[in-house]
Amino acid sequence: MLRPDVLCVGRACVDEILEVEAYPAEDIKVAAVGRLREGGGQASTAACLIAHLGGRATFVGRTGEDEAGAFARQRMAEFGVDLTHLPAPLGATPTAFCIVSRAGGSRTIVYERLQTPPLRWEELAPALETRPRVVLVDPQGEGLLPQLLPACRARGIPLVADAERAGAGWQSTWGQVDVLAASLGFLRQAVPGLEPAAALAEIDRHGPGWSVVTIGGEGSLVRQGEATSRIPAPPVSVRDTTGAGDAFHGALALALTRNPDPLSAVRFATAAASLCCRGLGGRSFPDLAEVEQGWLHLAAVS
């Protein structure tokens, strides 16, 4: 078996997406102009993007024993994700309900929490023996970081965090990874009251690696050493931003398997995430040629 490029650890679910002309007011009826059912979840979607772009992706996470769980696994398999180390299905699969506004290109997500037991270390550990080049962990896998961090360090595997929320004690989990890829929400919870660049600099002081934060249509900010740079997002016609962050993390992890330079990896990830916004749903992925062409034109702004 070939060595995986990226081991993706975390959430798998199903996305039910409804597209409307504009967000409705309360207590009225509006017609849907688009509808899509697709696999979802941060790590699951990141794995699908990696495989779509030609990388070797392995996914390990909890999936349900219901029809929705079978659908989530089927969609990952169809994208070419390796599910060899997936634990046996257990319980019900959560659904994320997404309402997409055609007028604004924005979306609101109402999601079901995972009701099954969290992934156990013994369920994840065998996948590390395949020696992935990078490990990507989403919020569903944060509880495994006390075991995963030393295991990755012992094997020389960089660990990338999809850090969406900053709960109590984040410094000892997300703060210790090699690459902290944060959302704006994470920054506001971790260091409230600071502008993104200042917040990123403060967060970067806690960990051994480097940090990046996605800032929507403005692109991303990268903190490396004492320098902060902004990578602008390329202009695209936005239909739906669902899954753009997941695509960013997947593309970032894949890029790091080929070039460890932070700015190059973030440029590649920013281009991939932006291009994903042109279609409906979180898995309307661009082709590798488009991403390769796009990221080369994205220059860092100091």
C-alpha atoms as a PDB file:
ATOM      1  CA  MET A   1       0.000   0.000   0.000  1.00  0.00           C
ATOM      2  CA  LEU A   2       1.300   3.460  -0.910  1.00  0.00           C
ATOM      3  CA  ARG A   3       2.127   5.864   1.877  1.00  0.00           C
ATOM      4  CA  PRO A   4      -0.751   8.344   2.440  1.00  0.00           C
ATOM      5  CA  ASP A   5      -0.115  11.992   1.811  1.00  0.00           C
ATOM      6  CA  VAL A   6      -2.577  13.140   4.482  1.00  0.00           C
ATOM      7  CA  LEU A   7      -4.371  11.367   7.313  1.00  0.00           C
ATOM      8  CA  CYS A   8      -7.579  13.346   8.012  1.00  0.00           C
ATOM      9  CA  VAL A   9      -9.083  12.860  11.468  1.00  0.00           C
ATOM     10  CA  GLY A  10     -12.490  14.070  12.580  1.00  0.00           C
ATOM     11  CA  ARG A  11     -16.059  14.653  11.475  1.00  0.00           C
ATOM     12  CA  ALA A  12     -18.129  13.010   8.760  1.00  0.00           C
ATOM     13  CA  CYS A  13     -21.784  13.924   8.277  1.00  0.00           C
ATOM     14  CA  VAL A  14     -24.349  14.643   5.592  1.00  0.00           C
ATOM     15  CA  ASP A  15     -25.103  18.121   4.234  1.00  0.00           C
ATOM     16  CA  GLU A  16     -28.650  18.989   3.198  1.00  0.00           C
ATOM     17  CA  ILE A  17     -28.411  22.211   1.211  1.00  0.00           C
ATOM     18  CA  LEU A  18     -31.259  24.488   0.179  1.00  0.00           C
ATOM     19  CA  GLU A  19     -30.604  27.487  -2.052  1.00  0.00           C
ATOM     20  CA  VAL A  20     -32.969  30.480  -1.969  1.00  0.00           C
ATOM     21  CA  GLU A  21     -32.968  33.771  -3.843  1.00  0.00           C
ATOM     22  CA  ALA A  22     -32.456  35.709  -0.607  1.00  0.00           C
ATOM     23  CA  TYR A  23     -32.695  34.994   3.096  1.00  0.00           C
ATOM     24  CA  PRO A  24     -36.357  34.848   4.127  1.00  0.00           C
ATOM     25  CA  ALA A  25     -37.850  36.774   7.009  1.00  0.00           C
ATOM     26  CA  GLU A  26     -39.373  34.800   9.862  1.00  0.00           C
ATOM     27  CA  ASP A  27     -42.769  33.145   9.534  1.00  0.00           C
ATOM     28  CA  ILE A  28     -43.099  33.239   5.726  1.00  0.00           C
ATOM     29  CA  LYS A  29     -42.759  30.774   2.847  1.00  0.00           C
ATOM     30  CA  VAL A  30     -40.183  31.017   0.071  1.00  0.00           C
ATOM     31  CA  ALA A  31     -39.400  28.786  -2.891  1.00  0.00           C
ATOM     32  CA  ALA A  32     -36.149  26.831  -3.055  1.00  0.00           C
ATOM     33  CA  VAL A  33     -34.207  27.486  -6.261  1.00  0.00           C
ATOM     34  CA  GLY A  34     -31.635  24.749  -5.667  1.00  0.00           C
ATOM     35  CA  ARG A  35     -31.240  21.638  -3.554  1.00  0.00           C
ATOM     36  CA  LEU A  36     -28.350  19.260  -2.945  1.00  0.00           C
ATOM     37  CA  ARG A  37     -27.557  16.335  -0.673  1.00  0.00           C
ATOM     38  CA  GLU A  38     -23.843  15.765  -0.211  1.00  0.00           C
ATOM     39  CA  GLY A  39     -21.361  14.300   2.239  1.00  0.00           C
ATOM     40  CA  GLY A  40     -20.064  16.799   4.746  1.00  0.00           C
ATOM     41  CA  GLY A  41     -17.873  17.270   7.791  1.00  0.00           C
ATOM     42  CA  GLN A  42     -14.597  19.166   8.054  1.00  0.00           C
ATOM     43  CA  ALA A  43     -12.056  16.331   7.894  1.00  0.00           C
ATOM     44  CA  SER A  44     -14.205  14.269   5.530  1.00  0.00           C
ATOM     45  CA  THR A  45     -14.523  17.106   3.015  1.00  0.00           C
ATOM     46  CA  ALA A  46     -10.828  17.944   3.354  1.00  0.00           C
ATOM     47  CA  ALA A  47      -9.991  14.314   2.536  1.00  0.00           C
ATOM     48  CA  CYS A  48     -12.252  14.404  -0.535  1.00  0.00           C
ATOM     49  CA  LEU A  49     -10.572  17.594  -1.774  1.00  0.00           C
ATOM     50  CA  ILE A  50      -7.110  16.070  -1.306  1.00  0.00           C
ATOM     51  CA  ALA A  51      -8.077  12.958  -3.267  1.00  0.00           C
ATOM     52  CA  HIS A  52      -9.752  15.060  -5.967  1.00  0.00           C
ATOM     53  CA  LEU A  53      -6.521  17.031  -6.428  1.00  0.00           C
ATOM     54  CA  GLY A  54      -4.522  13.846  -6.879  1.00  0.00           C
ATOM     55  CA  GLY A  55      -3.286  13.293  -3.332  1.00  0.00           C
ATOM     56  CA  ARG A  56      -3.604  10.119  -1.268  1.00  0.00           C
ATOM     57  CA  ALA A  57      -6.010  10.797   1.589  1.00  0.00           C
ATOM     58  CA  THR A  58      -6.991   8.512   4.466  1.00  0.00           C
ATOM     59  CA  PHE A  59      -9.979   9.374   6.651  1.00  0.00           C
ATOM     60  CA  VAL A  60     -10.516   8.167  10.218  1.00  0.00           C
ATOM     61  CA  GLY A  61     -13.596   9.304  12.107  1.00  0.00           C
ATOM     62  CA  ARG A  62     -16.931   8.182  13.466  1.00  0.00           C
ATOM     63  CA  THR A  63     -19.592   7.284  10.889  1.00  0.00           C
ATOM     64  CA  GLY A  64     -23.133   6.068  11.586  1.00  0.00           C
ATOM     65  CA  GLU A  65     -24.659   2.667  10.990  1.00  0.00           C
ATOM     66  CA  ASP A  66     -27.702   4.261   9.343  1.00  0.00           C
ATOM     67  CA  GLU A  67     -28.440   5.104   5.702  1.00  0.00           C
ATOM     68  CA  ALA A  68     -26.888   8.541   6.107  1.00  0.00           C
ATOM     69  CA  GLY A  69     -23.663   6.948   7.356  1.00  0.00           C
ATOM     70  CA  ALA A  70     -23.594   4.645   4.350  1.00  0.00           C
ATOM     71  CA  PHE A  71     -24.111   7.672   2.096  1.00  0.00           C
ATOM     72  CA  ALA A  72     -21.258   9.596   3.779  1.00  0.00           C
ATOM     73  CA  ARG A  73     -18.895   6.641   3.329  1.00  0.00           C
ATOM     74  CA  GLN A  74     -20.021   6.099  -0.259  1.00  0.00           C
ATOM     75  CA  ARG A  75     -19.307   9.704  -1.192  1.00  0.00           C
ATOM     76  CA  MET A  76     -15.819   9.583   0.328  1.00  0.00           C
ATOM     77  CA  ALA A  77     -15.086   6.350  -1.522  1.00  0.00           C
ATOM     78  CA  GLU A  78     -16.323   7.867  -4.788  1.00  0.00           C
ATOM     79  CA  PHE A  79     -13.824  10.701  -4.396  1.00  0.00           C
ATOM     80  CA  GLY A  80     -11.058   8.141  -3.840  1.00  0.00           C
ATOM     81  CA  VAL A  81     -10.547   8.518  -0.082  1.00  0.00           C
ATOM     82  CA  ASP A  82      -8.975   5.513   1.655  1.00  0.00           C
ATOM     83  CA  LEU A  83     -11.344   4.158   4.332  1.00  0.00           C
ATOM     84  CA  THR A  84      -9.244   1.123   5.271  1.00  0.00           C
ATOM     85  CA  HIS A  85      -8.789   2.287   8.863  1.00  0.00           C
ATOM     86  CA  LEU A  86     -12.346   3.526   9.396  1.00  0.00           C
ATOM     87  CA  PRO A  87     -13.863   2.155  12.626  1.00  0.00           C
ATOM     88  CA  ALA A  88     -17.015   0.042  12.429  1.00  0.00           C
ATOM     89  CA  PRO A  89     -20.169   2.148  11.921  1.00  0.00           C
ATOM     90  CA  LEU A  90     -21.838   3.159  15.165  1.00  0.00           C
ATOM     91  CA  GLY A  91     -25.040   5.025  15.967  1.00  0.00           C
ATOM     92  CA  ALA A  92     -26.676   7.807  13.961  1.00  0.00           C
ATOM     93  CA  THR A  93     -25.070  10.151  11.470  1.00  0.00           C
ATOM     94  CA  PRO A  94     -25.449  13.893  12.127  1.00  0.00           C
ATOM     95  CA  THR A  95     -26.888  16.145   9.437  1.00  0.00           C
ATOM     96  CA  ALA A  96     -25.946  19.746   8.713  1.00  0.00           C
ATOM     97  CA  PHE A  97     -28.771  21.845   7.228  1.00  0.00           C
ATOM     98  CA  CYS A  98     -27.432  24.663   5.060  1.00  0.00           C
ATOM     99  CA  ILE A  99     -29.447  27.593   3.697  1.00  0.00           C
ATOM    100  CA  VAL A 100     -27.631  29.371   0.889  1.00  0.00           C
ATOM    101  CA  SER A 101     -28.567  32.864  -0.275  1.00  0.00           C
ATOM    102  CA  ARG A 102     -28.127  33.291  -4.022  1.00  0.00           C
ATOM    103  CA  ALA A 103     -28.295  37.062  -3.651  1.00  0.00           C
ATOM    104  CA  GLY A 104     -25.431  37.274  -1.190  1.00  0.00           C
ATOM    105  CA  GLY A 105     -23.505  34.056  -1.799  1.00  0.00           C
ATOM    106  CA  SER A 106     -23.514  33.456   1.960  1.00  0.00           C
ATOM    107  CA  ARG A 107     -24.921  30.590   3.994  1.00  0.00           C
ATOM    108  CA  THR A 108     -26.288  29.701   7.413  1.00  0.00           C
ATOM    109  CA  ILE A 109     -25.708  26.233   8.861  1.00  0.00           C
ATOM    110  CA  VAL A 110     -27.766  24.473  11.504  1.00  0.00           C
ATOM    111  CA  TYR A 111     -26.025  21.264  12.499  1.00  0.00           C
ATOM    112  CA  GLU A 112     -26.781  18.248  14.627  1.00  0.00           C
ATOM    113  CA  ARG A 113     -24.250  17.396  17.309  1.00  0.00           C
ATOM    114  CA  LEU A 114     -22.570  14.014  17.232  1.00  0.00           C
ATOM    115  CA  GLN A 115     -24.435  11.712  19.649  1.00  0.00           C
ATOM    116  CA  THR A 116     -22.112   8.705  19.414  1.00  0.00           C
ATOM    117  CA  PRO A 117     -19.004   8.173  21.595  1.00  0.00           C
ATOM    118  CA  PRO A 118     -15.939  10.110  20.431  1.00  0.00           C
ATOM    119  CA  LEU A 119     -13.235   8.400  18.433  1.00  0.00           C
ATOM    120  CA  ARG A 120     -10.868   6.439  20.668  1.00  0.00           C
ATOM    121  CA  TRP A 121      -7.085   6.520  20.455  1.00  0.00           C
ATOM    122  CA  GLU A 122      -6.898   2.781  19.779  1.00  0.00           C
ATOM    123  CA  GLU A 123      -9.176   3.308  16.760  1.00  0.00           C
ATOM    124  CA  LEU A 124      -6.849   5.959  15.313  1.00  0.00           C
ATOM    125  CA  ALA A 125      -3.400   4.628  16.220  1.00  0.00           C
ATOM    126  CA  PRO A 126      -3.182   1.927  13.481  1.00  0.00           C
ATOM    127  CA  ALA A 127      -3.571   4.578  10.762  1.00  0.00           C
ATOM    128  CA  LEU A 128      -0.384   6.283  11.985  1.00  0.00           C
ATOM    129  CA  GLU A 129       1.568   3.145  11.191  1.00  0.00           C
ATOM    130  CA  THR A 130       0.994   3.859   7.483  1.00  0.00           C
ATOM    131  CA  ARG A 131       3.371   6.847   7.975  1.00  0.00           C
ATOM    132  CA  PRO A 132       1.249   9.665   6.512  1.00  0.00           C
ATOM    133  CA  ARG A 133       3.273  12.664   5.434  1.00  0.00           C
ATOM    134  CA  VAL A 134       0.906  15.073   7.244  1.00  0.00           C
ATOM    135  CA  VAL A 135      -1.912  14.633   9.767  1.00  0.00           C
ATOM    136  CA  LEU A 136      -4.922  16.992   9.677  1.00  0.00           C
ATOM    137  CA  VAL A 137      -7.234  17.142  12.707  1.00  0.00           C
ATOM    138  CA  ASP A 138     -10.587  18.956  12.903  1.00  0.00           C
ATOM    139  CA  PRO A 139     -12.502  19.933  16.082  1.00  0.00           C
ATOM    140  CA  GLN A 140     -13.978  16.421  16.392  1.00  0.00           C
ATOM    141  CA  GLY A 141     -10.466  15.103  17.027  1.00  0.00           C
ATOM    142  CA  GLU A 142      -9.273  17.686  19.549  1.00  0.00           C
ATOM    143  CA  GLY A 143      -9.705  15.223  22.412  1.00  0.00           C
ATOM    144  CA  LEU A 144      -7.136  12.911  20.804  1.00  0.00           C
ATOM    145  CA  LEU A 145      -4.381  15.536  20.650  1.00  0.00           C
ATOM    146  CA  PRO A 146      -2.741  14.565  23.985  1.00  0.00           C
ATOM    147  CA  GLN A 147      -1.935  11.162  22.434  1.00  0.00           C
ATOM    148  CA  LEU A 148      -1.660  12.262  18.809  1.00  0.00           C
ATOM    149  CA  LEU A 149       0.827  15.103  19.305  1.00  0.00           C
ATOM    150  CA  PRO A 150       3.630  12.996  20.848  1.00  0.00           C
ATOM    151  CA  ALA A 151       2.911  10.145  18.440  1.00  0.00           C
ATOM    152  CA  CYS A 152       3.329  12.457  15.446  1.00  0.00           C
ATOM    153  CA  ARG A 153       6.464  14.046  16.901  1.00  0.00           C
ATOM    154  CA  ALA A 154       8.020  10.628  17.467  1.00  0.00           C
ATOM    155  CA  ARG A 155       7.403   9.779  13.802  1.00  0.00           C
ATOM    156  CA  GLY A 156       8.394  13.170  12.399  1.00  0.00           C
ATOM    157  CA  ILE A 157       4.886  13.836  11.028  1.00  0.00           C
ATOM    158  CA  PRO A 158       3.702  17.484  10.921  1.00  0.00           C
ATOM    159  CA  LEU A 159       0.289  18.005  12.504  1.00  0.00           C
ATOM    160  CA  VAL A 160      -2.087  20.587  11.023  1.00  0.00           C
ATOM    161  CA  ALA A 161      -5.049  21.801  13.096  1.00  0.00           C
ATOM    162  CA  ASP A 162      -8.413  22.876  11.693  1.00  0.00           C
ATOM    163  CA  ALA A 163      -9.102  25.044  14.744  1.00  0.00           C
ATOM    164  CA  GLU A 164     -12.687  26.290  14.654  1.00  0.00           C
ATOM    165  CA  ARG A 165     -13.334  26.942  18.340  1.00  0.00           C
ATOM    166  CA  ALA A 166     -11.069  27.937  21.236  1.00  0.00           C
ATOM    167  CA  GLY A 167     -12.364  26.218  24.346  1.00  0.00           C
ATOM    168  CA  ALA A 168     -10.783  26.284  27.790  1.00  0.00           C
ATOM    169  CA  GLY A 169      -7.262  24.914  27.674  1.00  0.00           C
ATOM    170  CA  TRP A 170      -6.789  25.398  23.930  1.00  0.00           C
ATOM    171  CA  GLN A 171      -3.150  26.316  24.556  1.00  0.00           C
ATOM    172  CA  SER A 172      -2.366  22.712  25.528  1.00  0.00           C
ATOM    173  CA  THR A 173      -4.115  21.209  22.491  1.00  0.00           C
ATOM    174  CA  TRP A 174      -4.444  23.461  19.440  1.00  0.00           C
ATOM    175  CA  GLY A 175      -1.633  25.646  20.729  1.00  0.00           C
ATOM    176  CA  GLN A 176       0.909  22.826  20.477  1.00  0.00           C
ATOM    177  CA  VAL A 177       0.444  21.774  16.844  1.00  0.00           C
ATOM    178  CA  ASP A 178       2.899  22.411  14.031  1.00  0.00           C
ATOM    179  CA  VAL A 179       0.450  24.423  11.908  1.00  0.00           C
ATOM    180  CA  LEU A 180      -2.501  26.160  13.559  1.00  0.00           C
ATOM    181  CA  ALA A 181      -5.059  26.956  10.846  1.00  0.00           C
ATOM    182  CA  ALA A 182      -7.661  29.014  12.677  1.00  0.00           C
ATOM    183  CA  SER A 183     -11.011  30.598  11.905  1.00  0.00           C
ATOM    184  CA  LEU A 184     -11.880  34.166  12.836  1.00  0.00           C
ATOM    185  CA  GLY A 185     -14.197  32.699  15.465  1.00  0.00           C
ATOM    186  CA  PHE A 186     -11.263  30.888  17.048  1.00  0.00           C
ATOM    187  CA  LEU A 187      -9.251  34.110  17.246  1.00  0.00           C
ATOM    188  CA  ARG A 188     -12.123  36.015  18.852  1.00  0.00           C
ATOM    189  CA  GLN A 189     -12.579  33.333  21.498  1.00  0.00           C
ATOM    190  CA  ALA A 190      -8.875  32.792  22.171  1.00  0.00           C
ATOM    191  CA  VAL A 191      -7.783  36.448  22.368  1.00  0.00           C
ATOM    192  CA  PRO A 192     -10.888  38.661  22.403  1.00  0.00           C
ATOM    193  CA  GLY A 193     -10.679  42.333  21.529  1.00  0.00           C
ATOM    194  CA  LEU A 194      -7.742  42.189  19.123  1.00  0.00           C
ATOM    195  CA  GLU A 195      -7.706  42.707  15.378  1.00  0.00           C
ATOM    196  CA  PRO A 196      -6.940  39.516  13.386  1.00  0.00           C
ATOM    197  CA  ALA A 197      -3.263  40.300  12.752  1.00  0.00           C
ATOM    198  CA  ALA A 198      -2.600  41.144  16.397  1.00  0.00           C
ATOM    199  CA  ALA A 199      -4.620  38.157  17.595  1.00  0.00           C
ATOM    200  CA  LEU A 200      -2.675  35.837  15.298  1.00  0.00           C
ATOM    201  CA  ALA A 201       0.627  37.193  16.612  1.00  0.00           C
ATOM    202  CA  GLU A 202      -0.534  36.594  20.196  1.00  0.00           C
ATOM    203  CA  ILE A 203      -1.681  33.052  19.435  1.00  0.00           C
ATOM    204  CA  ASP A 204       1.550  32.280  17.617  1.00  0.00           C
ATOM    205  CA  ARG A 205       3.531  32.941  20.797  1.00  0.00           C
ATOM    206  CA  HIS A 206       2.019  29.849  22.464  1.00  0.00           C
ATOM    207  CA  GLY A 207       3.056  27.170  20.010  1.00  0.00           C
ATOM    208  CA  PRO A 208       6.096  25.603  18.366  1.00  0.00           C
ATOM    209  CA  GLY A 209       4.951  26.072  14.765  1.00  0.00           C
ATOM    210  CA  TRP A 210       3.335  28.722  12.606  1.00  0.00           C
ATOM    211  CA  SER A 211      -0.231  29.991  12.243  1.00  0.00           C
ATOM    212  CA  VAL A 212      -2.716  31.043   9.591  1.00  0.00           C
ATOM    213  CA  VAL A 213      -6.250  32.430   9.805  1.00  0.00           C
ATOM    214  CA  THR A 214      -8.835  32.503   7.034  1.00  0.00           C
ATOM    215  CA  ILE A 215     -10.627  35.838   6.660  1.00  0.00           C
ATOM    216  CA  GLY A 216     -13.351  35.048   4.144  1.00  0.00           C
ATOM    217  CA  GLY A 217     -13.344  37.027   0.926  1.00  0.00           C
ATOM    218  CA  GLU A 218     -10.195  38.872   1.986  1.00  0.00           C
ATOM    219  CA  GLY A 219      -8.118  35.696   1.837  1.00  0.00           C
ATOM    220  CA  SER A 220      -5.890  34.659   4.724  1.00  0.00           C
ATOM    221  CA  LEU A 221      -3.275  35.933   7.149  1.00  0.00           C
ATOM    222  CA  VAL A 222      -0.056  34.001   7.788  1.00  0.00           C
ATOM    223  CA  ARG A 223       2.160  34.426  10.835  1.00  0.00           C
ATOM    224  CA  GLN A 224       5.695  33.082  10.469  1.00  0.00           C
ATOM    225  CA  GLY A 225       8.352  34.134  12.955  1.00  0.00           C
ATOM    226  CA  GLU A 226       7.889  37.859  13.536  1.00  0.00           C
ATOM    227  CA  ALA A 227       6.235  38.559  10.192  1.00  0.00           C
ATOM    228  CA  THR A 228       2.540  38.607   9.267  1.00  0.00           C
ATOM    229  CA  SER A 229       1.518  38.489   5.608  1.00  0.00           C
ATOM    230  CA  ARG A 230      -1.867  38.558   3.897  1.00  0.00           C
ATOM    231  CA  ILE A 231      -2.655  36.327   0.960  1.00  0.00           C
ATOM    232  CA  PRO A 232      -5.545  37.937  -0.970  1.00  0.00           C
ATOM    233  CA  ALA A 233      -8.305  35.713  -2.315  1.00  0.00           C
ATOM    234  CA  PRO A 234      -8.550  35.583  -6.108  1.00  0.00           C
ATOM    235  CA  PRO A 235     -11.687  37.114  -7.655  1.00  0.00           C
ATOM    236  CA  VAL A 236     -14.345  34.456  -8.280  1.00  0.00           C
ATOM    237  CA  SER A 237     -18.093  34.450  -8.863  1.00  0.00           C
ATOM    238  CA  VAL A 238     -19.358  33.243  -5.477  1.00  0.00           C
ATOM    239  CA  ARG A 239     -22.413  31.010  -5.353  1.00  0.00           C
ATOM    240  CA  ASP A 240     -21.935  29.179  -2.047  1.00  0.00           C
ATOM    241  CA  THR A 241     -19.194  29.366   0.586  1.00  0.00           C
ATOM    242  CA  THR A 242     -20.183  26.076   2.256  1.00  0.00           C
ATOM    243  CA  GLY A 243     -17.085  23.942   2.805  1.00  0.00           C
ATOM    244  CA  ALA A 244     -14.593  26.602   1.711  1.00  0.00           C
ATOM    245  CA  GLY A 245     -12.784  26.383   5.036  1.00  0.00           C
ATOM    246  CA  ASP A 246     -12.666  22.578   4.823  1.00  0.00           C
ATOM    247  CA  ALA A 247     -11.208  22.827   1.327  1.00  0.00           C
ATOM    248  CA  PHE A 248      -8.643  25.340   2.585  1.00  0.00           C
ATOM    249  CA  HIS A 249      -7.446  22.946   5.277  1.00  0.00           C
ATOM    250  CA  GLY A 250      -7.298  19.988   2.914  1.00  0.00           C
ATOM    251  CA  ALA A 251      -5.391  21.937   0.275  1.00  0.00           C
ATOM    252  CA  LEU A 252      -3.042  23.355   2.925  1.00  0.00           C
ATOM    253  CA  ALA A 253      -2.203  19.884   4.234  1.00  0.00           C
ATOM    254  CA  LEU A 254      -1.684  18.539   0.713  1.00  0.00           C
ATOM    255  CA  ALA A 255       0.535  21.473  -0.256  1.00  0.00           C
ATOM    256  CA  LEU A 256       2.741  20.881   2.795  1.00  0.00           C
ATOM    257  CA  THR A 257       3.460  17.337   1.616  1.00  0.00           C
ATOM    258  CA  ARG A 258       5.032  18.820  -1.499  1.00  0.00           C
ATOM    259  CA  ASN A 259       6.551  22.090  -0.312  1.00  0.00           C
ATOM    260  CA  PRO A 260       7.065  22.972   3.372  1.00  0.00           C
ATOM    261  CA  ASP A 261       7.181  26.731   2.691  1.00  0.00           C
ATOM    262  CA  PRO A 262       4.242  28.298   4.624  1.00  0.00           C
ATOM    263  CA  LEU A 263       3.534  31.120   2.165  1.00  0.00           C
ATOM    264  CA  SER A 264       3.474  28.785  -0.831  1.00  0.00           C
ATOM    265  CA  ALA A 265       1.186  26.335   0.998  1.00  0.00           C
ATOM    266  CA  VAL A 266      -1.231  29.086   2.048  1.00  0.00           C
ATOM    267  CA  ARG A 267      -1.313  30.571  -1.458  1.00  0.00           C
ATOM    268  CA  PHE A 268      -2.222  27.147  -2.835  1.00  0.00           C
ATOM    269  CA  ALA A 269      -4.897  26.636  -0.144  1.00  0.00           C
ATOM    270  CA  THR A 270      -6.372  30.111  -0.633  1.00  0.00           C
ATOM    271  CA  ALA A 271      -6.724  29.551  -4.369  1.00  0.00           C
ATOM    272  CA  ALA A 272      -8.364  26.141  -3.869  1.00  0.00           C
ATOM    273  CA  ALA A 273     -10.822  27.389  -1.251  1.00  0.00           C
ATOM    274  CA  SER A 274     -11.847  30.395  -3.324  1.00  0.00           C
ATOM    275  CA  LEU A 275     -12.457  28.308  -6.437  1.00  0.00           C
ATOM    276  CA  CYS A 276     -14.693  25.953  -4.433  1.00  0.00           C
ATOM    277  CA  CYS A 277     -17.161  28.811  -3.876  1.00  0.00           C
ATOM    278  CA  ARG A 278     -18.316  28.872  -7.494  1.00  0.00           C
ATOM    279  CA  GLY A 279     -20.708  25.909  -7.162  1.00  0.00           C
ATOM    280  CA  LEU A 280     -23.408  24.695  -4.803  1.00  0.00           C
ATOM    281  CA  GLY A 281     -22.302  22.604  -1.849  1.00  0.00           C
ATOM    282  CA  GLY A 282     -19.039  22.002  -0.052  1.00  0.00           C
ATOM    283  CA  ARG A 283     -17.615  19.596  -2.613  1.00  0.00           C
ATOM    284  CA  SER A 284     -17.837  21.575  -5.846  1.00  0.00           C
ATOM    285  CA  PHE A 285     -14.078  21.231  -6.193  1.00  0.00           C
ATOM    286  CA  PRO A 286     -11.868  22.822  -8.857  1.00  0.00           C
ATOM    287  CA  ASP A 287      -9.455  20.775 -10.938  1.00  0.00           C
ATOM    288  CA  LEU A 288      -5.783  20.686  -9.978  1.00  0.00           C
ATOM    289  CA  ALA A 289      -4.820  22.637 -13.111  1.00  0.00           C
ATOM    290  CA  GLU A 290      -7.054  25.527 -12.039  1.00  0.00           C
ATOM    291  CA  VAL A 291      -5.547  25.626  -8.565  1.00  0.00           C
ATOM    292  CA  GLU A 292      -1.997  25.361  -9.884  1.00  0.00           C
ATOM    293  CA  GLN A 293      -2.642  28.235 -12.256  1.00  0.00           C
ATOM    294  CA  GLY A 294      -4.448  30.315  -9.659  1.00  0.00           C
ATOM    295  CA  TRP A 295      -2.090  30.194  -6.676  1.00  0.00           C
ATOM    296  CA  LEU A 296       0.957  31.295  -8.664  1.00  0.00           C
ATOM    297  CA  HIS A 297      -0.703  34.699  -9.178  1.00  0.00           C
ATOM    298  CA  LEU A 298      -1.402  35.295  -5.485  1.00  0.00           C
ATOM    299  CA  ALA A 299       1.309  37.528  -4.012  1.00  0.00           C
ATOM    300  CA  ALA A 300       1.712  38.028  -0.284  1.00  0.00           C
ATOM    301  CA  VAL A 301       0.978  41.507   1.064  1.00  0.00           C
ATOM    302  CA  SER A 302       2.990  42.567   4.115  1.00  0.00           C
END
